[in-house]
Amino acid sequence: MSFSTNCEGFTRRNCLRLGLGTMIGGGLVDALRLRGQAAPSSGRDGPAKACILIWMDGGPTHFETFDPKPDAPAEIRGEFGPIATKVPGVHYSEHMTRLASNLDKYAMIRSIRHDQGNHGAGNHYMTTGAPPRIPVGCGAFVSFHPSMGSVAAHELGGRNSIPPYFSMPRMSRSGGPNFLGAKYAPFVVADDPNNANFRVRDVAMPKDLLGDRFNKRTDLRGLVDKMKRINDDAAGDPVVALDEYYRQGYDLVMSKDAQSAFDISQEDEKTRERYGRNQFGQRCLLARRLVEGGVPFVTVYDGGWDSHSNIFNGMRSRLPNWDASVAALIEDLDERGMLDSTLVLALGEFGRTPKLSTLSGQTTPGRDHWANAMSVLMAGGKTPGGTVIGATDRKGHSAMERVLSPENFVATVYTKLGIDPRKILYTPQGRPNPLVSDPTPIQELV
């Protein structure tokens, strides 16, 4: 199965068919035009100034990652053995070596559960803190509530002419702004930062506009701007407004801060190797650079965790690189003095079934959707390292100790970002929408 899709074959093309092309596929000037001059609300102070969300789309297995069950029967425990972590008595699966060795730098939540066992609904619940209002299918693109990234963009804003919310290489199905409006949708960086020719759309200057040719075009633009337009001084003149958005786009293209943030080639080769010379590793590195540049929310979308079959071969191939990249991100932020002010999250929409199964037509076992148990990594933002919250039962069937909800998780994220989870936002029609229906954060982590 491709790492870019889940069992429903949901891809970027589906987004475009759903009419989201103008939201996530447009150019930077379009994004700036939509964002307009909306001033961000002022949230209260929080320890984290930014968040990097590693979204493990498809539902990562908790058994083969952070919550192995070595004493369970073979059809439950699977093929991987346990390894010790930095915290005595806590074990991870054998391929999570780097993260096991630095559990003292982050917290692990093992007891979040919910009742949405399909991709669309589970994705929405975990990225918004709001359960879907109506039943939805597994492959549905669900947007009943603003995502954490859009809320952060709305409440915290950005700086240095850089959009406040990024998603790489695509937007997750519930990662949008809903009633907040398209101006708070993520700016999508679709290209591969591990490619030697990597360029961020609308930020790198087109090669054919360098030098005199670019100067001549901007000079021509200036001459046109001097021409008297009809109703030029009117407050609502769309031509004047459009020029303002082009000016903002021009400022971003010419901004040294923006160019520096996106120029991953500035990183020394040792650092790039540390993160992993692959798409996922380099996106984690670019996320760190964007946070340094003042972006408050970055999603690193990592698809392909929907392991209905061939789970052990798939995880053997995937986990060592994934483990190394996430560990490198946490370690790098810590060494740069950025971890206390940067929240790092790694999760998907749910966990996987305790009992292994084989799909019709398949010869290798996998695990199906399971919302009764899942594991969530949380680092930074003054999160106490070495903390393990809750537990599942001996067979990994269900969270049974310190049982928590998606609302508790999202309320914790908002609290750490200085956003009051009790806040009520209003739709354009004036309808009140609480950020989180249960605004109780996880007290051990705040």
Protein backbone atom coordinates (compact mmCIF):
# COMPACT_ATOMS: atom_id res chain seq x y z
CA MET A 1 0.00 0.00 0.00
CA SER A 2 1.31 3.45 -0.86
CA PHE A 3 2.44 5.59 2.07
CA SER A 4 0.33 8.44 0.61
CA THR A 5 -3.04 6.72 0.88
CA ASN A 6 -5.13 4.73 3.34
CA CYS A 7 -7.47 1.77 2.82
CA GLU A 8 -9.96 4.04 1.07
CA GLY A 9 -7.34 5.21 -1.45
CA PHE A 10 -7.79 8.83 -0.34
CA THR A 11 -5.36 11.12 -2.17
CA ARG A 12 -4.80 14.77 -2.96
CA ARG A 13 -6.93 14.30 -6.09
CA ASN A 14 -9.90 13.60 -3.82
CA CYS A 15 -9.35 16.98 -2.20
CA LEU A 16 -9.48 18.68 -5.58
CA ARG A 17 -12.65 16.83 -6.53
CA LEU A 18 -14.22 18.08 -3.31
CA GLY A 19 -13.68 21.66 -4.37
CA LEU A 20 -10.65 22.31 -2.22
CA GLY A 21 -8.32 23.13 -5.06
CA THR A 22 -8.60 26.87 -4.55
CA MET A 23 -7.92 26.44 -0.87
CA ILE A 24 -4.87 24.21 -0.94
CA GLY A 25 -3.71 24.34 -4.52
CA GLY A 26 -3.68 28.07 -5.20
CA GLY A 27 -0.66 30.31 -5.23
CA LEU A 28 0.69 32.37 -2.41
CA VAL A 29 -0.95 35.58 -3.63
CA ASP A 30 -4.30 33.78 -3.47
CA ALA A 31 -3.55 32.66 0.06
CA LEU A 32 -2.61 36.17 1.10
CA ARG A 33 -5.70 37.57 -0.57
CA LEU A 34 -7.89 35.18 1.39
CA ARG A 35 -6.10 35.87 4.64
CA GLY A 36 -6.58 39.58 3.99
CA GLN A 37 -5.93 41.98 6.80
CA ALA A 38 -7.53 39.83 9.50
CA ALA A 39 -5.77 40.56 12.78
CA PRO A 40 -5.14 37.54 15.00
CA SER A 41 -6.83 37.37 18.36
CA SER A 42 -4.53 37.68 21.33
CA GLY A 43 -4.31 34.46 23.28
CA ARG A 44 -2.99 34.25 26.81
CA ASP A 45 0.60 33.33 27.41
CA GLY A 46 1.57 29.69 27.09
CA PRO A 47 4.92 27.90 27.21
CA ALA A 48 4.80 26.89 23.54
CA LYS A 49 5.03 29.47 20.78
CA ALA A 50 4.74 26.91 17.99
CA CYS A 51 3.58 23.36 17.31
CA ILE A 52 4.85 20.69 14.92
CA LEU A 53 2.19 18.02 14.35
CA ILE A 54 3.43 14.77 12.81
CA TRP A 55 0.20 13.32 11.49
CA MET A 56 0.45 9.51 11.07
CA ASP A 57 -2.43 9.13 8.66
CA GLY A 58 -4.21 5.80 8.52
CA GLY A 59 -3.96 4.90 12.20
CA PRO A 60 -0.56 3.73 13.52
CA THR A 61 -0.29 0.43 15.32
CA HIS A 62 0.35 0.89 19.03
CA PHE A 63 1.53 -2.73 19.38
CA GLU A 64 4.47 -2.38 16.97
CA THR A 65 5.47 1.10 18.20
CA PHE A 66 4.94 2.47 21.72
CA ASP A 67 2.80 -0.13 23.53
CA PRO A 68 3.96 -3.71 22.89
CA LYS A 69 2.29 -6.61 24.66
CA PRO A 70 4.99 -9.29 25.07
CA ASP A 71 2.93 -11.37 27.50
CA ALA A 72 -0.11 -11.60 25.22
CA PRO A 73 -0.79 -14.64 23.00
CA ALA A 74 1.13 -14.81 19.72
CA GLU A 75 -1.86 -13.77 17.62
CA ILE A 76 -1.90 -10.50 19.60
CA ARG A 77 1.73 -9.72 20.45
CA GLY A 78 2.94 -10.16 16.88
CA GLU A 79 6.51 -10.73 15.68
CA PHE A 80 8.37 -7.86 17.33
CA GLY A 81 9.93 -8.07 20.75
CA PRO A 82 10.05 -5.35 23.44
CA ILE A 83 13.01 -3.12 24.30
CA ALA A 84 13.66 -1.06 27.41
CA THR A 85 13.31 2.71 27.32
CA LYS A 86 15.05 5.44 29.32
CA VAL A 87 12.23 5.15 31.88
CA PRO A 88 12.50 2.01 34.02
CA GLY A 89 9.67 -0.43 33.48
CA VAL A 90 8.47 1.15 30.24
CA HIS A 91 9.04 -0.75 27.01
CA TYR A 92 8.70 0.02 23.31
CA SER A 93 8.70 -2.23 20.27
CA GLU A 94 12.14 -3.29 19.08
CA HIS A 95 12.37 -0.91 16.10
CA MET A 96 11.84 2.24 18.19
CA THR A 97 15.41 2.35 19.47
CA ARG A 98 16.17 6.09 19.21
CA LEU A 99 12.92 7.24 20.80
CA ALA A 100 13.25 4.59 23.49
CA SER A 101 16.66 5.97 24.44
CA ASN A 102 15.40 9.55 24.94
CA LEU A 103 11.97 9.07 26.53
CA ASP A 104 13.27 11.42 29.24
CA LYS A 105 12.79 14.27 26.73
CA TYR A 106 9.08 13.74 26.00
CA ALA A 107 5.83 12.23 27.30
CA MET A 108 3.89 9.24 26.06
CA ILE A 109 0.09 9.04 26.35
CA ARG A 110 -1.22 5.45 26.18
CA SER A 111 -4.83 5.91 27.22
CA ILE A 112 -6.71 8.08 24.74
CA ARG A 113 -9.76 6.35 23.32
CA HIS A 114 -12.86 7.33 21.35
CA ASP A 115 -15.72 5.75 19.42
CA GLN A 116 -14.95 6.78 15.83
CA GLY A 117 -13.51 3.72 14.12
CA ASN A 118 -13.20 5.00 10.56
CA HIS A 119 -10.64 7.28 9.00
CA GLY A 120 -12.83 10.28 8.30
CA ALA A 121 -14.42 10.53 11.71
CA GLY A 122 -11.30 9.54 13.67
CA ASN A 123 -9.19 12.05 11.78
CA HIS A 124 -11.68 14.81 12.49
CA TYR A 125 -11.96 13.97 16.19
CA MET A 126 -8.22 13.89 16.86
CA THR A 127 -7.32 17.01 14.84
CA THR A 128 -10.19 19.19 16.07
CA GLY A 129 -11.25 17.84 19.46
CA ALA A 130 -14.83 17.70 18.14
CA PRO A 131 -16.63 14.47 17.25
CA PRO A 132 -18.43 14.51 13.88
CA ARG A 133 -22.01 15.71 14.18
CA ILE A 134 -23.34 13.03 11.87
CA PRO A 135 -22.10 9.54 10.95
CA VAL A 136 -19.52 9.66 8.16
CA GLY A 137 -17.96 7.05 5.92
CA CYS A 138 -14.41 5.82 6.21
CA GLY A 139 -13.22 7.78 3.20
CA ALA A 140 -15.11 11.00 3.89
CA PHE A 141 -13.47 14.40 3.93
CA VAL A 142 -14.89 15.72 7.21
CA SER A 143 -14.92 19.38 8.22
CA PHE A 144 -17.41 20.23 10.93
CA HIS A 145 -15.00 22.23 13.10
CA PRO A 146 -11.73 24.17 12.66
CA SER A 147 -8.56 22.13 12.99
CA MET A 148 -5.90 22.84 15.60
CA GLY A 149 -3.67 24.34 12.90
CA SER A 150 -6.34 26.74 11.67
CA VAL A 151 -7.24 27.78 15.22
CA ALA A 152 -3.56 28.43 15.96
CA ALA A 153 -3.29 30.54 12.79
CA HIS A 154 -6.41 32.48 13.78
CA GLU A 155 -5.38 33.04 17.39
CA LEU A 156 -1.61 33.43 17.14
CA GLY A 157 -0.97 34.80 13.65
CA GLY A 158 2.52 34.82 12.20
CA ARG A 159 5.48 37.08 11.64
CA ASN A 160 8.08 37.95 9.02
CA SER A 161 5.51 37.85 6.17
CA ILE A 162 5.29 34.05 6.39
CA PRO A 163 1.86 32.35 6.52
CA PRO A 164 1.04 31.10 10.04
CA TYR A 165 0.01 27.55 9.12
CA PHE A 166 1.84 25.09 6.88
CA SER A 167 1.17 21.49 5.91
CA MET A 168 3.60 19.21 4.06
CA PRO A 169 3.16 17.57 1.55
CA ARG A 170 -0.64 17.94 1.69
CA MET A 171 -3.43 18.93 4.02
CA SER A 172 -4.98 16.17 6.08
CA ARG A 173 -8.66 15.61 5.40
CA SER A 174 -9.78 17.51 8.54
CA GLY A 175 -6.87 19.95 8.68
CA GLY A 176 -8.85 22.90 7.35
CA PRO A 177 -10.48 26.01 8.83
CA ASN A 178 -14.22 25.30 8.44
CA PHE A 179 -16.16 28.46 9.41
CA LEU A 180 -12.99 30.45 10.13
CA GLY A 181 -12.59 30.80 6.37
CA ALA A 182 -10.02 29.85 3.75
CA LYS A 183 -7.62 32.55 4.94
CA TYR A 184 -6.76 30.17 7.81
CA ALA A 185 -6.22 27.11 5.64
CA PRO A 186 -2.67 25.74 5.56
CA PHE A 187 -0.12 26.81 2.99
CA VAL A 188 0.78 23.47 1.40
CA VAL A 189 4.38 22.66 0.49
CA ALA A 190 3.96 19.69 -1.82
CA ASP A 191 7.48 19.31 -3.19
CA ASP A 192 10.12 17.00 -1.76
CA PRO A 193 12.70 18.90 0.35
CA ASN A 194 15.11 16.00 -0.11
CA ASN A 195 15.25 16.85 -3.82
CA ALA A 196 18.31 18.85 -4.86
CA ASN A 197 16.03 21.16 -6.89
CA PHE A 198 13.55 21.73 -4.05
CA ARG A 199 11.73 25.07 -4.32
CA VAL A 200 8.74 26.24 -2.32
CA ARG A 201 5.92 27.30 -4.62
CA ASP A 202 5.61 31.09 -5.01
CA VAL A 203 8.49 31.76 -2.61
CA ALA A 204 11.55 31.07 -4.73
CA MET A 205 11.96 33.63 -7.49
CA PRO A 206 11.26 32.14 -10.95
CA LYS A 207 14.55 31.74 -12.78
CA ASP A 208 13.31 33.64 -15.81
CA LEU A 209 12.55 36.69 -13.66
CA LEU A 210 15.96 37.15 -12.12
CA GLY A 211 18.06 40.23 -12.70
CA ASP A 212 17.12 43.00 -15.15
CA ARG A 213 14.02 41.24 -16.42
CA PHE A 214 12.50 41.20 -12.94
CA ASN A 215 13.47 44.82 -12.30
CA LYS A 216 11.87 45.89 -15.58
CA ARG A 217 8.64 44.11 -14.67
CA THR A 218 8.49 45.72 -11.24
CA ASP A 219 9.25 49.12 -12.79
CA LEU A 220 6.40 48.60 -15.25
CA ARG A 221 4.14 47.63 -12.38
CA GLY A 222 5.08 50.84 -10.61
CA LEU A 223 4.19 52.94 -13.66
CA VAL A 224 0.81 51.23 -13.94
CA ASP A 225 0.17 51.85 -10.22
CA LYS A 226 0.61 55.60 -10.80
CA MET A 227 -2.29 55.65 -13.23
CA LYS A 228 -5.50 57.09 -11.83
CA ARG A 229 -8.09 54.37 -11.44
CA ILE A 230 -11.83 54.74 -11.19
CA ASN A 231 -12.79 55.06 -7.52
CA ASP A 232 -9.14 54.64 -6.63
CA ASP A 233 -9.65 56.24 -3.26
CA ALA A 234 -12.78 54.29 -2.40
CA ALA A 235 -12.44 52.06 0.64
CA GLY A 236 -13.72 48.95 -1.09
CA ASP A 237 -11.92 49.22 -4.41
CA PRO A 238 -11.04 45.60 -5.36
CA VAL A 239 -8.20 46.75 -7.60
CA VAL A 240 -6.50 48.55 -4.72
CA ALA A 241 -7.06 45.54 -2.48
CA LEU A 242 -5.65 43.15 -5.07
CA ASP A 243 -2.55 45.32 -5.40
CA GLU A 244 -2.08 45.06 -1.64
CA TYR A 245 -2.06 41.27 -1.84
CA TYR A 246 0.42 41.35 -4.69
CA ARG A 247 2.57 43.67 -2.60
CA GLN A 248 2.48 41.18 0.26
CA GLY A 249 3.37 38.38 -2.13
CA TYR A 250 6.25 40.48 -3.51
CA ASP A 251 7.45 41.21 0.04
CA LEU A 252 7.47 37.51 0.87
CA VAL A 253 9.38 36.57 -2.25
CA MET A 254 11.94 39.28 -1.48
CA SER A 255 12.03 38.66 2.29
CA LYS A 256 15.39 37.46 3.56
CA ASP A 257 13.66 35.85 6.56
CA ALA A 258 11.33 33.84 4.33
CA GLN A 259 14.10 32.84 1.95
CA SER A 260 16.22 31.72 4.89
CA ALA A 261 13.41 29.65 6.41
CA PHE A 262 12.71 27.77 3.18
CA ASP A 263 16.32 27.31 2.08
CA ILE A 264 16.97 23.90 3.57
CA SER A 265 20.28 23.76 1.69
CA GLN A 266 21.66 26.08 4.37
CA GLU A 267 21.71 23.12 6.75
CA ASP A 268 25.03 21.31 6.97
CA GLU A 269 25.13 17.79 5.59
CA LYS A 270 25.63 16.26 9.04
CA THR A 271 22.34 17.72 10.24
CA ARG A 272 20.51 16.61 7.11
CA GLU A 273 21.85 13.08 7.50
CA ARG A 274 20.82 13.10 11.14
CA TYR A 275 17.21 13.73 10.19
CA GLY A 276 17.41 11.17 7.39
CA ARG A 277 17.91 11.83 3.69
CA ASN A 278 14.35 10.90 2.80
CA GLN A 279 11.16 12.90 2.27
CA PHE A 280 9.81 12.46 5.80
CA GLY A 281 13.10 13.25 7.53
CA GLN A 282 13.71 16.38 5.48
CA ARG A 283 10.14 17.59 6.06
CA CYS A 284 10.76 17.29 9.81
CA LEU A 285 13.89 19.39 9.33
CA LEU A 286 12.02 21.96 7.24
CA ALA A 287 9.34 22.10 9.96
CA ARG A 288 12.02 23.09 12.45
CA ARG A 289 13.23 25.82 10.10
CA LEU A 290 9.69 27.15 9.62
CA VAL A 291 9.21 27.33 13.39
CA GLU A 292 12.49 29.22 13.63
CA GLY A 293 11.10 31.59 11.00
CA GLY A 294 8.04 32.38 13.13
CA VAL A 295 5.40 29.92 11.89
CA PRO A 296 3.18 28.89 14.83
CA PHE A 297 1.79 25.64 13.38
CA VAL A 298 3.31 23.12 10.98
CA THR A 299 1.82 19.74 10.04
CA VAL A 300 4.08 17.04 8.65
CA TYR A 301 1.60 14.69 6.97
CA ASP A 302 2.91 11.11 6.96
CA GLY A 303 0.53 8.70 5.24
CA GLY A 304 0.44 4.95 4.91
CA TRP A 305 -0.13 3.72 8.48
CA ASP A 306 -3.30 1.80 7.54
CA SER A 307 -1.78 -1.65 8.05
CA HIS A 308 -4.56 -4.10 7.16
CA SER A 309 -2.01 -6.55 5.75
CA ASN A 310 1.73 -7.20 5.63
CA ILE A 311 2.13 -5.23 8.83
CA PHE A 312 5.43 -6.72 9.98
CA ASN A 313 7.36 -6.33 6.72
CA GLY A 314 5.87 -2.86 6.32
CA MET A 315 6.88 -1.78 9.82
CA ARG A 316 10.36 -3.29 9.52
CA SER A 317 10.87 -1.10 6.47
CA ARG A 318 9.30 2.04 7.89
CA LEU A 319 9.97 2.28 11.60
CA PRO A 320 13.77 2.61 11.80
CA ASN A 321 13.81 5.72 9.59
CA TRP A 322 10.68 7.17 11.19
CA ASP A 323 12.07 6.62 14.67
CA ALA A 324 15.38 8.25 13.75
CA SER A 325 13.76 11.31 12.16
CA VAL A 326 11.36 12.05 15.03
CA ALA A 327 14.11 11.50 17.59
CA ALA A 328 16.40 13.84 15.61
CA LEU A 329 13.73 16.55 15.60
CA ILE A 330 13.26 16.38 19.37
CA GLU A 331 17.00 16.24 20.05
CA ASP A 332 17.77 19.08 17.63
CA LEU A 333 15.12 21.35 19.15
CA ASP A 334 16.48 20.56 22.60
CA GLU A 335 20.09 21.31 21.63
CA ARG A 336 19.06 24.63 20.06
CA GLY A 337 17.16 25.71 23.16
CA MET A 338 13.86 25.54 21.22
CA LEU A 339 12.16 22.54 22.79
CA ASP A 340 10.61 24.41 25.70
CA SER A 341 8.90 26.77 23.24
CA THR A 342 8.02 24.21 20.55
CA LEU A 343 5.38 21.54 21.00
CA VAL A 344 5.94 18.32 19.03
CA LEU A 345 3.08 15.84 18.54
CA ALA A 346 3.01 12.46 16.80
CA LEU A 347 -0.27 10.59 16.41
CA GLY A 348 -2.91 9.29 14.01
CA GLU A 349 -6.65 8.85 14.11
CA PHE A 350 -6.69 5.62 16.16
CA GLY A 351 -4.73 2.46 16.98
CA ARG A 352 -5.01 -1.06 15.55
CA THR A 353 -6.90 -4.21 16.55
CA PRO A 354 -5.39 -6.51 19.15
CA LYS A 355 -5.90 -9.67 17.13
CA LEU A 356 -4.03 -10.10 13.86
CA SER A 357 -6.14 -10.87 10.82
CA THR A 358 -5.67 -11.66 7.15
CA LEU A 359 -7.78 -9.89 4.56
CA SER A 360 -9.43 -11.85 1.78
CA GLY A 361 -6.92 -12.35 -1.00
CA GLN A 362 -3.96 -11.53 1.24
CA THR A 363 -1.39 -13.94 2.60
CA THR A 364 0.25 -11.76 5.25
CA PRO A 365 -1.50 -10.60 8.45
CA GLY A 366 -2.33 -7.08 9.53
CA ARG A 367 -4.39 -5.17 12.06
CA ASP A 368 -7.63 -3.32 11.47
CA HIS A 369 -9.03 -0.01 12.79
CA TRP A 370 -9.29 0.25 16.56
CA ALA A 371 -10.37 3.38 18.45
CA ASN A 372 -10.35 1.83 21.94
CA ALA A 373 -6.60 2.31 22.33
CA MET A 374 -3.87 4.44 20.81
CA SER A 375 -0.50 6.01 21.64
CA VAL A 376 0.30 9.73 21.37
CA LEU A 377 3.75 11.31 21.64
CA MET A 378 4.01 14.82 23.10
CA ALA A 379 7.29 16.68 23.46
CA GLY A 380 8.28 20.26 24.21
CA GLY A 381 6.29 23.21 25.43
CA LYS A 382 7.42 22.44 29.00
CA THR A 383 5.98 18.92 28.75
CA PRO A 384 7.59 16.92 31.57
CA GLY A 385 9.93 14.38 29.99
CA GLY A 386 9.76 10.76 31.04
CA THR A 387 6.05 10.98 31.79
CA VAL A 388 3.90 8.05 30.70
CA ILE A 389 0.17 8.74 31.01
CA GLY A 390 -2.29 5.88 31.38
CA ALA A 391 -2.14 2.28 30.24
CA THR A 392 -3.96 -0.30 28.16
CA ASP A 393 -4.86 -3.78 29.37
CA ARG A 394 -2.56 -6.80 29.01
CA LYS A 395 -3.82 -7.53 25.49
CA GLY A 396 -3.82 -3.93 24.29
CA HIS A 397 -7.55 -4.13 23.84
CA SER A 398 -8.57 -0.93 25.60
CA ALA A 399 -7.33 2.05 27.57
CA MET A 400 -8.02 1.14 31.17
CA GLU A 401 -5.95 3.46 33.36
CA ARG A 402 -6.33 7.28 33.30
CA VAL A 403 -8.70 7.06 30.33
CA LEU A 404 -8.65 10.28 28.27
CA SER A 405 -10.57 11.71 25.32
CA PRO A 406 -9.58 13.57 22.16
CA GLU A 407 -11.07 16.68 23.82
CA ASN A 408 -8.59 16.36 26.69
CA PHE A 409 -5.73 16.03 24.22
CA VAL A 410 -6.72 19.02 22.08
CA ALA A 411 -7.42 21.13 25.18
CA THR A 412 -3.87 20.35 26.32
CA VAL A 413 -2.42 21.48 22.99
CA TYR A 414 -4.36 24.75 23.11
CA THR A 415 -3.35 25.37 26.72
CA LYS A 416 0.32 24.91 25.87
CA LEU A 417 -0.02 27.32 22.94
CA GLY A 418 -1.59 29.96 25.16
CA ILE A 419 -5.03 29.54 23.60
CA ASP A 420 -7.85 29.26 26.12
CA PRO A 421 -9.65 25.96 25.33
CA ARG A 422 -12.80 27.44 26.91
CA LYS A 423 -12.94 30.11 24.23
CA ILE A 424 -16.02 30.35 22.03
CA LEU A 425 -15.66 31.23 18.35
CA TYR A 426 -18.55 32.48 16.27
CA THR A 427 -19.53 31.54 12.75
CA PRO A 428 -20.26 34.31 10.21
CA GLN A 429 -23.93 33.72 11.01
CA GLY A 430 -23.27 34.33 14.72
CA ARG A 431 -23.56 30.73 15.87
CA PRO A 432 -21.36 30.02 18.92
CA ASN A 433 -18.81 27.21 18.64
CA PRO A 434 -16.71 26.27 21.67
CA LEU A 435 -13.13 25.42 20.73
CA VAL A 436 -13.45 22.19 22.71
CA SER A 437 -16.63 20.80 24.24
CA ASP A 438 -14.67 19.50 27.23
CA PRO A 439 -11.85 22.04 27.79
CA THR A 440 -10.13 20.00 30.51
CA PRO A 441 -6.44 19.55 29.70
CA ILE A 442 -4.30 16.64 30.82
CA GLN A 443 -3.03 18.07 34.08
CA GLU A 444 0.11 15.91 34.25
CA LEU A 445 1.33 17.55 31.02
CA VAL A 446 0.61 21.25 31.61
